[in-house]
N, C-alpha and C. Protein backbone atom coordinates (compact mmCIF):
# COMPACT_ATOMS: atom_id res chain seq x y z
N MET A 1 100.70 145.88 152.18
CA MET A 1 100.79 144.93 151.64
C MET A 1 101.22 144.97 150.23
N LYS A 2 102.75 144.20 150.18
CA LYS A 2 103.76 144.91 148.71
C LYS A 2 102.74 143.79 147.48
N ASN A 3 103.15 144.51 146.59
CA ASN A 3 102.43 143.58 145.65
C ASN A 3 103.75 142.71 145.27
N GLU A 4 104.00 141.57 145.45
CA GLU A 4 105.12 140.54 145.15
C GLU A 4 104.85 140.03 143.59
N LYS A 5 105.78 139.24 142.74
CA LYS A 5 105.60 139.17 141.96
C LYS A 5 105.98 137.27 141.87
N GLY A 6 105.56 136.31 141.18
CA GLY A 6 105.39 135.16 141.28
C GLY A 6 104.86 134.40 141.37
N PHE A 7 104.34 132.82 140.99
CA PHE A 7 103.89 131.73 141.06
C PHE A 7 102.80 131.48 142.48
N THR A 8 102.07 131.28 142.37
CA THR A 8 100.77 130.62 144.01
C THR A 8 101.29 129.01 143.64
N LEU A 9 101.36 127.88 144.46
CA LEU A 9 101.98 127.00 145.11
C LEU A 9 100.41 125.88 144.14
N VAL A 10 99.36 126.99 143.83
CA VAL A 10 98.37 126.19 143.26
C VAL A 10 98.50 125.99 141.76
N GLU A 11 99.25 127.50 141.35
CA GLU A 11 99.57 127.74 140.11
C GLU A 11 100.51 126.46 139.34
N VAL A 12 101.22 126.18 140.14
CA VAL A 12 102.08 125.33 140.30
C VAL A 12 102.12 124.00 140.12
N LEU A 13 101.40 123.41 141.20
CA LEU A 13 100.81 122.45 140.64
C LEU A 13 99.91 122.18 139.71
N ALA A 14 98.87 122.99 139.11
CA ALA A 14 98.33 122.87 137.98
C ALA A 14 99.23 122.91 136.98
N SER A 15 100.09 123.16 137.02
CA SER A 15 100.86 123.39 135.68
C SER A 15 101.83 121.97 135.57
N LEU A 16 102.01 121.90 137.34
CA LEU A 16 102.54 120.02 136.69
C LEU A 16 101.90 118.80 136.93
N VAL A 17 100.66 119.48 137.02
CA VAL A 17 99.40 117.79 136.08
C VAL A 17 99.29 118.23 134.94
N LEU A 18 99.10 119.54 135.12
CA LEU A 18 98.82 119.50 132.84
C LEU A 18 100.35 119.28 131.97
N ILE A 19 101.30 119.46 132.98
CA ILE A 19 102.53 118.77 132.10
C ILE A 19 102.61 117.33 131.83
N SER A 20 102.17 116.96 133.20
CA SER A 20 102.07 115.02 133.31
C SER A 20 101.31 114.61 132.34
N LEU A 21 99.88 115.63 132.39
CA LEU A 21 99.19 114.38 131.70
C LEU A 21 99.66 114.36 129.96
N ILE A 22 100.44 116.00 129.25
CA ILE A 22 100.50 115.76 127.86
C ILE A 22 101.30 114.89 127.91
N LEU A 23 102.95 114.59 129.50
CA LEU A 23 104.01 114.10 128.85
C LEU A 23 103.06 112.26 128.96
N MET A 24 101.96 111.80 129.26
CA MET A 24 101.59 110.33 129.11
C MET A 24 100.42 110.11 128.26
N GLY A 25 100.14 110.92 127.44
CA GLY A 25 99.46 110.96 126.65
C GLY A 25 100.83 110.75 125.18
N PHE A 26 101.78 111.45 125.30
CA PHE A 26 102.98 111.32 124.08
C PHE A 26 103.17 109.39 124.52
N MET A 27 103.55 109.71 125.99
CA MET A 27 104.53 108.60 126.23
C MET A 27 103.68 106.59 125.51
N ALA A 28 102.07 107.23 125.60
CA ALA A 28 100.95 105.55 125.30
C ALA A 28 101.21 106.19 123.60
N LEU A 29 101.37 107.23 122.83
CA LEU A 29 101.71 107.34 121.55
C LEU A 29 102.58 106.57 121.10
N PHE A 30 104.20 106.97 121.58
CA PHE A 30 104.92 106.63 121.49
C PHE A 30 105.71 104.95 121.31
N THR A 31 104.54 104.36 122.84
CA THR A 31 104.51 103.04 122.90
C THR A 31 103.90 102.11 121.97
N SER A 32 103.07 102.77 122.07
CA SER A 32 102.03 102.12 120.58
C SER A 32 102.57 101.94 119.20
N THR A 33 103.32 102.95 118.94
CA THR A 33 103.55 103.58 117.61
C THR A 33 104.82 102.16 117.76
N ASN A 34 105.77 101.87 118.07
CA ASN A 34 107.31 101.73 118.59
C ASN A 34 106.03 99.65 118.67
N ARG A 35 105.06 99.50 119.06
CA ARG A 35 104.71 97.78 118.55
C ARG A 35 104.26 97.82 117.62
N LEU A 36 103.59 98.97 116.77
CA LEU A 36 102.80 98.92 115.61
C LEU A 36 104.10 98.14 114.84
N ALA A 37 105.20 98.80 115.07
CA ALA A 37 106.48 99.20 114.13
C ALA A 37 107.21 97.70 114.25
N VAL A 38 106.82 97.12 115.34
CA VAL A 38 107.92 95.53 115.54
C VAL A 38 106.16 94.87 115.71
N THR A 39 105.28 94.78 114.50
CA THR A 39 104.52 93.47 114.66
C THR A 39 104.97 93.67 112.82
N ASN A 40 104.61 95.07 112.37
CA ASN A 40 104.88 95.15 110.96
C ASN A 40 106.11 95.00 110.10
N SER A 41 107.08 94.65 111.11
CA SER A 41 108.60 94.27 110.58
C SER A 41 108.46 92.68 111.36
N GLU A 42 107.39 91.92 111.80
CA GLU A 42 107.34 90.57 111.67
C GLU A 42 106.63 90.53 110.66
N LYS A 43 106.03 90.84 110.47
CA LYS A 43 104.58 90.65 109.22
C LYS A 43 105.67 90.72 108.23
N LEU A 44 106.62 91.84 107.27
CA LEU A 44 107.54 91.34 106.85
C LEU A 44 108.21 90.19 106.91
N VAL A 45 108.86 90.15 107.82
CA VAL A 45 109.61 88.77 107.27
C VAL A 45 109.55 87.83 107.48
N VAL A 46 107.83 87.28 107.89
CA VAL A 46 107.30 86.51 107.48
C VAL A 46 106.70 85.83 106.21
N ILE A 47 106.51 87.27 104.68
CA ILE A 47 106.02 87.62 104.27
C ILE A 47 107.26 87.21 103.22
N ASN A 48 107.92 88.12 103.78
CA ASN A 48 109.26 87.33 102.08
C ASN A 48 110.37 86.24 102.45
N LEU A 49 109.87 85.85 104.14
CA LEU A 49 110.91 84.25 104.15
C LEU A 49 109.85 83.28 102.92
N ALA A 50 108.56 83.21 103.43
CA ALA A 50 107.19 82.24 102.32
C ALA A 50 107.58 82.76 100.87
N ASP A 51 108.25 84.32 100.50
CA ASP A 51 108.15 84.62 99.03
C ASP A 51 109.76 83.49 98.64
N SER A 52 110.80 82.77 99.94
CA SER A 52 111.82 83.03 99.61
C SER A 52 112.01 81.01 99.37
N TYR A 53 110.84 80.68 100.01
CA TYR A 53 110.47 79.51 100.17
C TYR A 53 110.16 78.20 99.06
N LEU A 54 109.01 79.65 98.34
CA LEU A 54 108.53 79.65 97.34
C LEU A 54 109.73 79.62 96.02
N GLU A 55 110.67 80.17 95.52
CA GLU A 55 111.29 80.90 95.05
C GLU A 55 112.52 79.64 95.14
N ARG A 56 112.27 79.15 96.13
CA ARG A 56 113.57 77.56 96.70
C ARG A 56 113.43 76.51 95.49
N ALA A 57 111.69 76.90 96.69
CA ALA A 57 111.26 75.54 95.68
C ALA A 57 110.79 75.47 94.52
N GLN A 58 110.78 76.34 93.23
CA GLN A 58 110.52 76.55 92.03
C GLN A 58 112.22 76.29 91.06
N ILE A 59 112.81 76.71 92.22
CA ILE A 59 114.24 76.24 91.24
C ILE A 59 114.97 74.89 91.10
N ASN A 60 114.72 74.95 92.66
CA ASN A 60 115.19 73.29 93.24
C ASN A 60 114.42 72.38 93.66
N PRO A 61 113.36 71.94 93.03
CA PRO A 61 112.06 71.16 93.68
C PRO A 61 112.57 69.88 94.41
N GLU A 62 113.59 69.96 94.12
CA GLU A 62 113.68 68.27 94.73
C GLU A 62 114.26 68.30 95.99
N GLU A 63 114.52 69.79 96.51
CA GLU A 63 115.42 70.00 97.71
C GLU A 63 113.84 69.90 98.62
N PHE A 64 112.47 69.93 97.88
CA PHE A 64 111.61 69.90 99.00
C PHE A 64 110.52 68.40 98.53
N PHE A 65 110.50 68.04 97.35
CA PHE A 65 109.89 67.47 97.00
C PHE A 65 110.95 66.57 96.76
N SER A 66 110.56 64.70 97.91
CA SER A 66 111.02 63.83 97.52
C SER A 66 109.88 61.97 97.47
N PRO A 67 110.10 61.15 96.86
CA PRO A 67 110.24 61.34 95.88
C PRO A 67 109.73 61.97 94.49
N TYR A 68 110.72 62.79 93.61
CA TYR A 68 110.19 63.94 92.94
C TYR A 68 110.32 63.29 91.37
N PRO A 69 108.56 62.99 90.68
CA PRO A 69 108.18 63.77 90.92
C PRO A 69 106.77 63.26 91.43
N LEU A 70 106.26 64.23 92.64
CA LEU A 70 105.53 63.77 93.60
C LEU A 70 103.65 62.60 93.11
N THR A 71 104.12 61.41 94.24
CA THR A 71 103.15 60.31 93.31
C THR A 71 101.62 61.07 93.76
N GLU A 72 101.59 60.93 95.15
CA GLU A 72 100.57 61.07 95.67
C GLU A 72 99.70 62.90 94.94
N THR A 73 98.37 62.88 95.12
CA THR A 73 97.22 63.91 94.81
C THR A 73 97.76 64.99 95.37
N SER A 74 98.40 65.03 96.88
CA SER A 74 97.87 66.35 97.93
C SER A 74 98.73 65.76 99.16
N ARG A 75 100.09 66.60 99.76
CA ARG A 75 100.34 65.86 100.91
C ARG A 75 101.35 66.93 101.31
N GLY A 76 101.51 67.21 102.47
CA GLY A 76 101.98 68.72 103.44
C GLY A 76 103.27 68.14 103.66
N ILE A 77 104.12 69.25 103.35
CA ILE A 77 105.37 68.90 103.85
C ILE A 77 106.24 70.31 105.14
N ALA A 78 106.57 69.40 106.07
CA ALA A 78 106.76 70.31 107.11
C ALA A 78 108.34 70.64 107.17
N VAL A 79 109.13 71.97 107.07
CA VAL A 79 110.41 72.10 106.97
C VAL A 79 110.68 72.77 107.87
N PRO A 80 112.33 71.50 108.65
CA PRO A 80 112.65 72.34 109.91
C PRO A 80 112.66 73.50 110.34
N LEU A 81 112.50 74.33 111.58
CA LEU A 81 112.23 75.36 112.19
C LEU A 81 113.21 76.51 111.42
N HIS A 82 113.16 77.23 110.89
CA HIS A 82 114.03 78.46 110.23
C HIS A 82 113.94 79.56 111.41
N GLU A 83 115.52 79.64 111.55
CA GLU A 83 115.77 81.04 112.96
C GLU A 83 116.28 82.26 111.78
N MET A 84 115.79 83.10 112.71
CA MET A 84 115.73 84.94 111.38
C MET A 84 115.76 86.06 112.03
N ASN A 85 117.21 86.23 112.99
CA ASN A 85 116.46 87.13 113.24
C ASN A 85 116.19 86.67 115.65
N GLY A 86 116.80 86.23 115.57
CA GLY A 86 116.50 85.90 117.22
C GLY A 86 115.38 84.97 116.93
N SER A 87 114.43 84.81 116.31
CA SER A 87 113.01 84.12 116.25
C SER A 87 113.22 83.14 115.74
N GLU A 88 112.70 82.18 116.06
CA GLU A 88 111.94 80.99 114.92
C GLU A 88 111.05 80.66 114.09
N TYR A 89 110.77 80.80 113.01
CA TYR A 89 109.99 80.44 111.80
C TYR A 89 109.25 79.03 111.70
N GLU A 90 107.74 79.01 111.54
CA GLU A 90 107.58 77.37 111.11
C GLU A 90 106.79 77.89 109.96
N VAL A 91 107.59 76.79 108.77
CA VAL A 91 107.32 76.97 107.53
C VAL A 91 107.09 75.00 106.77
N ARG A 92 105.63 74.98 106.32
CA ARG A 92 105.14 74.06 105.59
C ARG A 92 104.46 74.49 104.71
N LEU A 93 104.88 73.81 103.44
CA LEU A 93 104.52 73.57 102.02
C LEU A 93 102.84 72.41 101.79
N ASP A 94 102.59 73.02 101.73
CA ASP A 94 100.78 72.25 101.19
C ASP A 94 101.27 72.01 99.65
N VAL A 95 101.25 70.34 98.86
CA VAL A 95 101.76 70.53 97.25
C VAL A 95 100.42 69.13 97.29
N SER A 96 99.76 70.27 95.96
CA SER A 96 99.36 69.11 94.76
C SER A 96 99.01 69.36 94.37
N ASP A 97 98.48 68.34 92.90
CA ASP A 97 98.81 68.29 91.49
C ASP A 97 97.52 69.08 90.74
N SER A 98 97.88 69.69 89.89
CA SER A 98 97.71 71.35 88.81
C SER A 98 96.21 70.30 88.06
N GLY A 99 95.78 68.75 88.06
CA GLY A 99 94.96 68.40 87.29
C GLY A 99 95.06 68.65 85.82
N GLY A 100 96.47 67.32 85.65
CA GLY A 100 97.20 67.15 84.54
C GLY A 100 98.25 67.96 83.47
N LEU A 101 98.86 69.35 84.20
CA LEU A 101 99.60 70.58 84.00
C LEU A 101 100.75 69.19 84.74
N ASP A 102 101.84 69.27 83.60
CA ASP A 102 103.14 69.69 84.65
C ASP A 102 103.40 70.70 85.97
N LEU A 103 102.61 70.87 86.30
CA LEU A 103 102.69 72.05 87.62
C LEU A 103 102.07 71.52 88.73
N LEU A 104 103.28 71.04 90.16
CA LEU A 104 102.57 71.31 91.29
C LEU A 104 102.16 72.51 92.02
N ASN A 105 101.31 72.84 92.39
CA ASN A 105 100.11 73.94 93.31
C ASN A 105 101.23 73.94 94.39
N VAL A 106 101.74 74.79 94.96
CA VAL A 106 102.06 74.64 96.17
C VAL A 106 102.12 75.74 97.07
N ILE A 107 101.56 75.89 98.13
CA ILE A 107 100.61 76.99 99.52
C ILE A 107 102.21 77.03 100.18
N VAL A 108 103.07 77.52 100.31
CA VAL A 108 103.85 78.37 101.24
C VAL A 108 103.67 78.82 102.20
N THR A 109 103.29 78.20 103.68
CA THR A 109 102.77 78.86 104.38
C THR A 109 103.81 78.91 105.93
N VAL A 110 104.05 80.45 106.23
CA VAL A 110 105.64 80.53 107.39
C VAL A 110 104.82 81.49 108.83
N SER A 111 104.96 80.53 109.78
CA SER A 111 104.55 81.33 111.37
C SER A 111 105.38 81.40 111.98
N PRO A 112 105.52 82.34 113.25
CA PRO A 112 106.30 82.63 113.82
C PRO A 112 105.72 81.70 115.17
N VAL A 113 107.19 80.84 115.60
CA VAL A 113 106.47 79.94 116.56
C VAL A 113 105.76 80.82 117.83
N ASP A 114 106.82 82.14 118.36
CA ASP A 114 105.97 82.84 118.89
C ASP A 114 104.26 83.37 119.26
N SER A 115 103.78 83.44 118.29
CA SER A 115 103.58 84.33 117.77
C SER A 115 101.73 83.93 116.54
N ASN A 116 100.80 84.28 116.74
CA ASN A 116 99.58 83.95 115.85
C ASN A 116 99.43 83.87 114.62
N MET A 117 100.73 85.28 114.16
CA MET A 117 100.57 85.76 112.65
C MET A 117 101.03 84.61 112.18
N SER A 118 101.01 84.28 110.39
CA SER A 118 101.08 84.00 109.42
C SER A 118 100.80 84.55 108.26
N SER A 119 100.90 83.74 107.23
CA SER A 119 101.19 84.64 105.79
C SER A 119 101.26 82.95 104.84
N SER A 120 100.89 83.11 103.79
CA SER A 120 101.00 81.90 102.54
C SER A 120 100.80 82.72 101.70
N VAL A 121 102.06 81.85 100.48
CA VAL A 121 102.09 82.62 99.66
C VAL A 121 101.63 80.70 98.16
N GLU A 122 101.11 81.54 97.76
CA GLU A 122 101.02 80.15 96.71
C GLU A 122 101.74 80.01 95.22
N GLY A 123 101.78 79.84 94.60
CA GLY A 123 102.91 79.63 93.39
C GLY A 123 103.19 77.79 92.57
N TYR A 124 103.50 78.04 91.39
CA TYR A 124 103.45 76.78 90.78
C TYR A 124 104.71 76.51 89.93
N VAL A 125 105.16 75.09 90.48
CA VAL A 125 106.81 74.47 90.87
C VAL A 125 106.22 73.28 89.16
N PRO A 126 107.19 73.89 88.42
CA PRO A 126 107.44 72.78 87.07
C PRO A 126 107.81 71.37 87.87
N TYR A 127 107.32 70.19 87.12
CA TYR A 127 108.10 68.61 87.42
C TYR A 127 107.69 67.68 85.88
N ASP A 128 108.94 66.69 86.18
CA ASP A 128 108.89 66.24 84.85
C ASP A 128 107.71 65.20 84.89
C-alpha cells in the first residue's frame, strides 16, 4: 500500500470542532463587551444629564422653582420627559430648605424610561 499524505476525515472534523469552540468563545466575549459598552454609555448620559439639570437650576432657578423662592419646606418637581439619543429620560428635582441659609438643597434624579438605572446629584441653589 502506498503512503499517501493528507488528513483523515476524523482529523478534519476534530479541527473543525476546535475552531468552532474557539470562535464561539470569541463571539460570547464580543457580545458581553458590547453590552457593557452600551450600559456604560447609558450611565454616562444619565450622570451628565443630572449634572446639567443641576447647573441649569443654579443658573436660572425661576425656570424650575415657581413660586420663587419656595415657601414649602420640601417638594419634588417633575420635569417633562427629556429625549436624547433616541431615548427618553425622567428628570425629578427634590427640593428642600437648607435650614436658615439662603440656599435650597436640590437633588436631581435622572432615570431612563426603559431601564432601571438612575443617577442622582445633589447641590445647592441660592435664593433671595
